[in-house]
Protein backbone atom coordinates (compact mmCIF):
# COMPACT_ATOMS: atom_id res chain seq x y z
CA MET A 1 32.83 -15.51 -2.62
CA CYS A 2 30.40 -18.40 -2.66
CA GLU A 3 31.76 -21.75 -1.43
CA ILE A 4 29.52 -23.73 -3.78
CA CYS A 5 29.79 -21.99 -7.17
CA GLU A 6 33.03 -20.11 -6.39
CA ARG A 7 31.68 -16.82 -7.75
CA VAL A 8 31.11 -13.42 -6.19
CA LYS A 9 27.53 -13.18 -7.52
CA CYS A 10 25.80 -16.56 -7.57
CA PRO A 11 24.01 -17.64 -10.76
CA PRO A 12 20.33 -18.68 -10.48
CA ARG A 13 21.25 -22.39 -10.42
CA CYS A 14 23.36 -22.03 -7.25
CA PRO A 15 21.57 -22.96 -3.98
CA ASN A 16 22.97 -19.79 -2.37
CA HIS A 17 21.47 -17.52 -5.05
CA LYS A 18 19.41 -14.70 -3.53
CA ARG A 19 16.67 -13.43 -5.78
CA GLU A 20 16.60 -9.67 -6.20
CA VAL A 21 13.23 -7.99 -5.71
CA TYR A 22 12.40 -5.65 -8.60
CA ALA A 23 9.18 -4.21 -7.14
CA TRP A 24 6.08 -5.04 -5.11
CA CYS A 25 2.70 -5.61 -6.75
CA ASP A 26 0.54 -2.50 -6.34
CA TYR A 27 -2.58 -4.63 -5.88
CA CYS A 28 -1.71 -7.72 -3.81
CA GLY A 29 1.71 -6.74 -2.42
CA CYS A 30 3.56 -9.81 -3.70
CA PRO A 31 7.25 -9.38 -4.51
CA ILE A 32 8.19 -9.28 -8.19
CA TYR A 33 11.67 -10.65 -8.83
CA ARG A 34 14.06 -9.49 -11.54
CA ASP A 35 14.54 -13.01 -12.92
CA GLU A 36 10.81 -13.57 -13.50
CA ASP A 37 9.39 -13.07 -16.96
CA GLN A 38 5.95 -12.03 -15.76
CA ALA A 39 5.35 -8.44 -14.68
CA VAL A 40 2.77 -5.94 -15.88
CA THR A 41 3.51 -2.21 -15.86
CA THR A 42 1.43 0.80 -16.80
CA ASP A 43 2.29 4.18 -18.28
CA GLU A 44 1.58 5.72 -14.86
CA GLY A 45 4.30 3.58 -13.26
CA ALA A 46 2.11 0.99 -11.53
CA VAL A 47 3.61 -2.51 -11.35
CA PHE A 48 1.61 -5.75 -11.04
CA CYS A 49 2.63 -9.39 -10.61
CA SER A 50 0.04 -10.62 -13.11
CA GLU A 51 -2.59 -9.48 -15.59
CA THR A 52 -5.26 -10.58 -13.13
CA CYS A 53 -4.01 -8.14 -10.48
CA ALA A 54 -3.94 -5.32 -13.04
CA GLU A 55 -7.48 -6.14 -14.16
CA ASP A 56 -8.75 -6.26 -10.57
CA PHE A 57 -6.95 -3.03 -9.63
CA TYR A 58 -8.44 -1.05 -12.51
CA GLY A 59 -11.78 -2.90 -12.58
CA PHE A 60 -11.56 -4.10 -16.17
CA ASN A 61 -14.27 -6.39 -17.49
CA PHE A 62 -13.40 -8.25 -20.67
CA ILE A 63 -16.21 -9.34 -22.97
CA ASP A 64 -16.03 -12.61 -24.85
CA TRP A 65 -17.86 -11.63 -28.03
CA SER A 66 -18.35 -15.28 -29.03
CA GLU A 67 -20.71 -15.70 -26.05
CA VAL A 68 -22.82 -12.60 -26.75
């Protein structure tokens, strides 16, 4: 039991809270935590920490049609 929040599993606001790793980014290797809102997954099961990593991994080039 935590001495600060007096709970078995600390809530995110507790200083003793340990963030749980959900996965590791398949491109850059950064940890992706369960309490983060941002994660990109594919149908093949790849997991990325951001859209930028997914774009770089697959080599996507997006065209801004207003500039063409």
